[in-house]
Amino acid sequence: MFKLPNGIPTFRDSAQDWADYAEYNALSAKVNLFELTKSSRMVSDEERINGIEDETDKYLQKVDEIATEIHYRMRVGEQFYPFEIGDQDYTINFIQKSNEANIIYPYLLFATRANMSKDRIKAGIDGSLIFEHLCSLVAQNYFGSRSEVDILGTSKEDVSSFRAKLRLITRVLGEGGEIHENIGHKPQDDNVDVIVWKSFKDNQPSKMIAFGQCKTGTSWVDHLSELNTDAFCKTWFTRQPVLTPLRMFFTAQYFPRDIFRVRANEAGLVFDRFRILDYLPNNINDSLLNSMDVWTKAINNHYS
């Protein structure tokens, strides 16, 4: 998994990794995919046979794989995918689409490939917290009419507010009773960043509830099964919801398609980068868009 600013995919890396790398480079200029994959760093000693290398076929095959991936992204991303492929599938170019597309997609790309441990805060904006807000809108849109959503995730500087936030959410939610204080337990969010639910006018329990975990960066695979909604409810709620909350997993990266089901079995209801695009609401508030735009430009400048 290559990371910005100096990382580069290896020859063995997936077409999905290479497509991200091509998109990053295309943000500043049209990219020739054949030239992009021609770096000498792609050739390892094990790939040399009797001291002779026939690189052309290898590179052309890799270019075909990347082009196929980009065509796939154009199809599933539709109006929110701000790149196009041309010159008989040899180039990729950043194009002007809607204001939302030209802000949100680059943000998701950088929220994947930047170092989200040490570089997540730029221009005074926390790129990970922006992601939680975006995911909350996507979750609400997915659950549809009359669904409600709140963000439980807290920054590391605001851990003390977890219980207060959870108490407020349970009152609005109408399920969970009171909360256990669990003195001595110091959670940041207990792996629940977003809570979405769909109520009835009678304000009675027995409703659809979902808990979502949000992950930026590329190191999320080991965290897929961390969120246990049943355990969360038993730990914090004095009265259990009638229905065990659904488990959702949001990532700014794409889910690997060849093992999508395997990973989804661990994660629950998956929202990767392209499923997030699929359920973006029609209207996203200007404040969130501006925060994404400022953060993306700031981290891009930091890496330039």
Protein backbone atom coordinates (compact mmCIF):
# COMPACT_ATOMS: atom_id res chain seq x y z
CA MET A 1 0.00 0.00 0.00
CA PHE A 2 1.80 3.12 -1.19
CA LYS A 3 1.55 6.28 0.89
CA LEU A 4 2.08 9.90 -0.09
CA PRO A 5 4.20 11.87 -0.60
CA ASN A 6 7.04 9.60 -1.71
CA GLY A 7 5.41 6.21 -2.05
CA ILE A 8 4.95 4.45 -5.36
CA PRO A 9 3.12 1.19 -6.10
CA THR A 10 5.21 -1.86 -6.94
CA PHE A 11 4.66 -3.94 -10.02
CA ARG A 12 2.87 -6.57 -7.96
CA ASP A 13 0.43 -4.06 -6.43
CA SER A 14 -3.18 -4.13 -7.55
CA ALA A 15 -4.66 -2.12 -10.38
CA GLN A 16 -6.69 -0.35 -7.70
CA ASP A 17 -3.51 0.91 -6.04
CA TRP A 18 -2.14 2.00 -9.40
CA ALA A 19 -5.39 3.76 -10.29
CA ASP A 20 -5.13 5.80 -7.07
CA TYR A 21 -1.54 6.65 -7.95
CA ALA A 22 -2.57 7.68 -11.47
CA GLU A 23 -5.40 9.84 -10.11
CA TYR A 24 -3.07 11.59 -7.68
CA ASN A 25 -0.65 12.46 -10.47
CA ALA A 26 -3.48 13.45 -12.82
CA LEU A 27 -4.64 16.13 -10.38
CA SER A 28 -1.77 18.29 -11.60
CA ALA A 29 -1.35 17.15 -15.24
CA LYS A 30 -2.51 14.58 -17.77
CA VAL A 31 -0.86 11.23 -17.05
CA ASN A 32 0.45 8.74 -19.57
CA LEU A 33 -0.16 5.35 -17.98
CA PHE A 34 2.66 3.64 -19.85
CA GLU A 35 5.17 6.21 -18.64
CA LEU A 36 3.73 6.08 -15.13
CA THR A 37 4.40 2.35 -14.85
CA LYS A 38 7.86 2.46 -16.39
CA SER A 39 9.75 3.32 -13.24
CA SER A 40 12.81 1.17 -12.68
CA ARG A 41 11.57 0.61 -9.13
CA MET A 42 8.92 -1.70 -10.51
CA VAL A 43 11.52 -4.27 -11.59
CA SER A 44 12.91 -6.45 -8.83
CA ASP A 45 15.80 -8.89 -8.98
CA GLU A 46 13.42 -11.87 -8.96
CA GLU A 47 11.87 -10.65 -12.20
CA ARG A 48 15.16 -10.82 -14.10
CA ILE A 49 15.60 -13.97 -16.16
CA ASN A 50 19.14 -14.77 -17.26
CA GLY A 51 19.94 -11.11 -17.06
CA ILE A 52 17.41 -10.30 -19.78
CA GLU A 53 14.25 -8.32 -19.26
CA ASP A 54 11.36 -7.94 -21.64
CA GLU A 55 9.59 -5.07 -19.90
CA THR A 56 7.24 -3.94 -22.65
CA ASP A 57 4.69 -6.75 -22.35
CA LYS A 58 4.70 -6.44 -18.57
CA TYR A 59 4.04 -2.72 -18.69
CA LEU A 60 1.36 -3.01 -21.36
CA GLN A 61 -0.46 -5.62 -19.27
CA LYS A 62 -0.27 -3.37 -16.23
CA VAL A 63 -1.54 -0.41 -18.27
CA ASP A 64 -4.49 -2.54 -19.45
CA GLU A 65 -5.28 -3.47 -15.84
CA ILE A 66 -5.17 0.16 -14.72
CA ALA A 67 -7.30 1.31 -17.66
CA THR A 68 -9.88 -1.38 -16.88
CA GLU A 69 -10.00 -0.21 -13.26
CA ILE A 70 -10.45 3.42 -14.29
CA HIS A 71 -13.26 2.48 -16.68
CA TYR A 72 -14.91 0.66 -13.78
CA ARG A 73 -14.56 3.76 -11.59
CA MET A 74 -16.06 5.94 -14.31
CA ARG A 75 -19.05 3.60 -14.48
CA VAL A 76 -19.76 3.25 -10.74
CA GLY A 77 -18.67 6.78 -9.78
CA GLU A 78 -20.71 8.37 -12.56
CA GLN A 79 -21.10 12.12 -12.01
CA PHE A 80 -18.92 12.09 -8.89
CA TYR A 81 -15.83 10.63 -10.59
CA PRO A 82 -13.80 13.59 -11.93
CA PHE A 83 -11.39 11.74 -14.21
CA GLU A 84 -11.57 10.48 -17.77
CA ILE A 85 -9.45 8.08 -19.74
CA GLY A 86 -8.37 8.83 -23.30
CA ASP A 87 -5.84 8.27 -26.09
CA GLN A 88 -6.97 4.66 -26.53
CA ASP A 89 -6.78 4.01 -22.79
CA TYR A 90 -3.23 5.31 -22.41
CA THR A 91 -3.91 8.54 -20.51
CA ILE A 92 -5.97 9.73 -17.55
CA ASN A 93 -7.00 13.33 -17.08
CA PHE A 94 -8.65 15.30 -14.25
CA ILE A 95 -11.76 17.02 -15.58
CA GLN A 96 -14.07 19.70 -14.30
CA LYS A 97 -17.38 18.22 -13.18
CA SER A 98 -19.66 19.48 -10.46
CA ASN A 99 -18.27 21.44 -7.52
CA GLU A 100 -19.11 18.48 -5.26
CA ALA A 101 -17.30 15.95 -7.46
CA ASN A 102 -14.17 18.05 -7.76
CA ILE A 103 -14.00 18.47 -4.00
CA ILE A 104 -15.25 15.18 -2.56
CA TYR A 105 -13.36 12.69 -4.72
CA PRO A 106 -9.90 14.29 -4.26
CA TYR A 107 -10.66 14.50 -0.54
CA LEU A 108 -11.41 10.77 -0.36
CA LEU A 109 -8.25 10.04 -2.37
CA PHE A 110 -6.04 12.00 0.02
CA ALA A 111 -7.90 10.65 3.06
CA THR A 112 -6.79 7.24 1.79
CA ARG A 113 -3.22 7.86 0.70
CA ALA A 114 -2.03 10.54 3.12
CA ASN A 115 -0.39 9.62 6.40
CA MET A 116 -3.52 9.94 8.51
CA SER A 117 -1.62 9.35 11.73
CA LYS A 118 0.69 12.35 11.61
CA ASP A 119 -0.75 14.48 8.80
CA ARG A 120 -4.50 14.25 9.39
CA ILE A 121 -4.69 17.80 10.78
CA LYS A 122 -3.92 20.47 8.20
CA ALA A 123 -5.04 24.13 8.10
CA GLY A 124 -6.54 23.52 11.53
CA ILE A 125 -8.92 20.88 10.12
CA ASP A 126 -8.99 17.23 11.17
CA GLY A 127 -9.38 15.19 7.98
CA SER A 128 -10.64 12.14 9.90
CA LEU A 129 -13.45 14.06 11.61
CA ILE A 130 -14.56 15.44 8.24
CA PHE A 131 -14.88 11.84 7.10
CA GLU A 132 -17.20 11.02 9.99
CA HIS A 133 -19.46 13.93 9.04
CA LEU A 134 -19.53 12.81 5.41
CA CYS A 135 -20.32 9.23 6.44
CA SER A 136 -23.18 10.39 8.64
CA LEU A 137 -24.82 12.08 5.65
CA VAL A 138 -24.31 8.98 3.51
CA ALA A 139 -25.77 6.70 6.20
CA GLN A 140 -28.80 8.92 6.60
CA ASN A 141 -29.35 9.04 2.84
CA TYR A 142 -29.02 5.26 2.59
CA PHE A 143 -31.61 4.65 5.30
CA GLY A 144 -33.89 7.09 3.53
CA SER A 145 -36.90 9.18 4.42
CA ARG A 146 -37.28 10.16 8.09
CA SER A 147 -34.03 8.56 9.18
CA GLU A 148 -32.01 10.41 11.80
CA VAL A 149 -28.29 10.41 12.45
CA ASP A 150 -25.75 11.59 15.00
CA ILE A 151 -21.99 11.43 15.38
CA LEU A 152 -20.64 9.76 18.49
CA GLY A 153 -17.00 9.89 17.50
CA THR A 154 -14.90 12.28 19.56
CA SER A 155 -11.44 13.66 19.09
CA LYS A 156 -8.67 12.48 21.38
CA GLU A 157 -8.75 15.91 23.00
CA ASP A 158 -12.45 15.52 23.85
CA VAL A 159 -12.69 12.03 25.35
CA SER A 160 -14.66 13.22 28.39
CA SER A 161 -17.66 14.07 26.22
CA PHE A 162 -18.27 10.45 25.17
CA ARG A 163 -20.73 9.66 27.97
CA ALA A 164 -22.53 12.99 27.57
CA LYS A 165 -22.90 12.44 23.83
CA LEU A 166 -24.09 8.88 24.26
CA ARG A 167 -26.61 9.90 26.94
CA LEU A 168 -28.03 12.58 24.65
CA ILE A 169 -28.24 10.17 21.70
CA THR A 170 -30.08 7.50 23.70
CA ARG A 171 -32.69 10.04 24.77
CA VAL A 172 -33.33 11.10 21.19
CA LEU A 173 -33.11 7.50 20.03
CA GLY A 174 -35.75 6.39 22.52
CA GLU A 175 -33.94 3.13 23.26
CA GLY A 176 -31.09 2.06 25.51
CA GLY A 177 -32.50 3.41 28.76
CA GLU A 178 -29.85 5.21 30.77
CA ILE A 179 -26.14 4.54 30.29
CA HIS A 180 -23.73 2.69 32.53
CA GLU A 181 -21.00 5.01 33.74
CA ASN A 182 -18.37 2.23 33.65
CA ILE A 183 -16.02 4.15 35.92
CA GLY A 184 -12.42 3.44 35.01
CA HIS A 185 -13.22 2.75 31.36
CA LYS A 186 -11.90 5.60 29.19
CA PRO A 187 -13.32 5.11 25.72
CA GLN A 188 -12.82 7.51 22.85
CA ASP A 189 -15.84 6.19 20.96
CA ASP A 190 -15.74 2.40 21.54
CA ASN A 191 -15.46 1.96 17.75
CA VAL A 192 -18.84 3.62 17.10
CA ASP A 193 -18.48 6.85 15.15
CA VAL A 194 -21.91 7.22 13.56
CA ILE A 195 -25.37 6.16 14.78
CA VAL A 196 -28.35 6.18 12.40
CA TRP A 197 -31.92 5.15 13.18
CA LYS A 198 -35.43 5.28 11.77
CA SER A 199 -38.20 6.08 14.26
CA PHE A 200 -41.99 5.89 14.24
CA LYS A 201 -44.43 8.60 15.24
CA ASP A 202 -45.50 6.55 18.27
CA ASN A 203 -42.01 7.03 19.78
CA GLN A 204 -41.98 3.41 20.89
CA PRO A 205 -38.94 1.11 20.85
CA SER A 206 -38.46 -1.56 18.14
CA LYS A 207 -36.84 0.40 15.34
CA MET A 208 -34.02 0.00 12.85
CA ILE A 209 -30.71 1.20 14.33
CA ALA A 210 -27.21 1.00 12.86
CA PHE A 211 -23.77 1.75 14.28
CA GLY A 212 -20.99 2.77 11.94
CA GLN A 213 -17.22 2.73 12.25
CA CYS A 214 -15.25 5.15 10.03
CA LYS A 215 -11.70 4.58 8.82
CA THR A 216 -9.40 6.74 6.74
CA GLY A 217 -5.95 5.66 5.53
CA THR A 218 -5.01 2.18 4.33
CA SER A 219 -4.45 0.32 7.61
CA TRP A 220 -8.05 -0.64 8.29
CA VAL A 221 -8.03 -4.34 7.40
CA ASP A 222 -7.08 -5.39 10.94
CA HIS A 223 -9.95 -3.30 12.33
CA LEU A 224 -12.79 -4.80 10.28
CA SER A 225 -14.27 -6.89 13.07
CA GLU A 226 -13.62 -4.48 15.97
CA LEU A 227 -17.15 -3.12 16.12
CA ASN A 228 -19.41 -5.45 18.08
CA THR A 229 -22.81 -3.79 18.32
CA ASP A 230 -24.19 -6.34 20.78
CA ALA A 231 -21.23 -5.87 23.13
CA PHE A 232 -21.47 -2.08 22.83
CA CYS A 233 -25.13 -2.14 23.86
CA LYS A 234 -24.49 -4.45 26.80
CA THR A 235 -21.55 -2.33 27.94
CA TRP A 236 -23.33 1.01 27.85
CA PHE A 237 -27.13 0.60 27.80
CA THR A 238 -29.17 -0.21 30.88
CA ARG A 239 -32.00 -1.43 28.66
CA GLN A 240 -31.19 -3.30 25.46
CA PRO A 241 -32.71 -2.23 22.12
CA VAL A 242 -35.40 -4.56 20.81
CA LEU A 243 -33.35 -5.10 17.66
CA THR A 244 -29.57 -5.47 17.82
CA PRO A 245 -28.11 -2.55 15.85
CA LEU A 246 -26.78 -3.26 12.37
CA ARG A 247 -23.02 -2.97 11.89
CA MET A 248 -21.65 -0.59 9.23
CA PHE A 249 -18.07 0.00 8.12
CA PHE A 250 -17.00 3.12 6.22
CA THR A 251 -13.63 3.50 4.51
CA ALA A 252 -12.23 6.25 2.29
CA GLN A 253 -10.42 3.52 0.37
CA TYR A 254 -12.01 1.01 -2.01
CA PHE A 255 -12.79 -2.52 -0.89
CA PRO A 256 -10.69 -5.09 -2.82
CA ARG A 257 -13.18 -6.55 -5.28
CA ASP A 258 -11.55 -9.98 -5.56
CA ILE A 259 -12.14 -10.64 -1.85
CA PHE A 260 -15.05 -8.25 -1.27
CA ARG A 261 -17.29 -10.89 0.30
CA VAL A 262 -14.52 -12.16 2.58
CA ARG A 263 -13.85 -8.69 3.94
CA ALA A 264 -17.55 -7.81 4.10
CA ASN A 265 -18.19 -10.89 6.22
CA GLU A 266 -15.88 -9.30 8.80
CA ALA A 267 -17.07 -5.71 8.40
CA GLY A 268 -20.85 -5.90 8.03
CA LEU A 269 -22.61 -3.37 5.80
CA VAL A 270 -19.75 -1.90 3.76
CA PHE A 271 -19.46 1.67 2.51
CA ASP A 272 -16.18 2.01 0.66
CA ARG A 273 -15.18 5.03 -1.44
CA PHE A 274 -17.48 4.20 -4.34
CA ARG A 275 -20.45 3.19 -2.20
CA ILE A 276 -20.05 6.50 -0.41
CA LEU A 277 -20.25 8.25 -3.78
CA ASP A 278 -23.28 6.11 -4.64
CA TYR A 279 -25.26 7.44 -1.67
CA LEU A 280 -24.13 11.04 -1.44
CA PRO A 281 -27.16 13.21 -0.66
CA ASN A 282 -28.35 15.71 -3.25
CA ASN A 283 -27.37 18.61 -1.04
CA ILE A 284 -24.20 18.77 1.05
CA ASN A 285 -23.78 21.83 3.22
CA ASP A 286 -21.25 24.39 2.07
CA SER A 287 -19.39 24.30 5.38
CA LEU A 288 -18.50 20.61 5.01
CA LEU A 289 -17.53 21.04 1.36
CA ASN A 290 -15.35 24.01 2.24
CA SER A 291 -13.63 22.04 5.03
CA MET A 292 -12.89 19.16 2.66
CA ASP A 293 -11.58 21.54 0.00
CA VAL A 294 -9.34 23.48 2.41
CA TRP A 295 -7.97 20.29 4.01
CA THR A 296 -7.29 18.61 0.65
CA LYS A 297 -5.48 21.65 -0.77
CA ALA A 298 -3.47 22.07 2.43
CA ILE A 299 -2.27 18.46 2.53
CA ASN A 300 -1.56 18.48 -1.21
CA ASN A 301 0.57 21.59 -0.78
CA HIS A 302 2.28 19.95 2.20
CA TYR A 303 3.27 16.99 0.02
CA SER A 304 4.23 19.02 -3.05
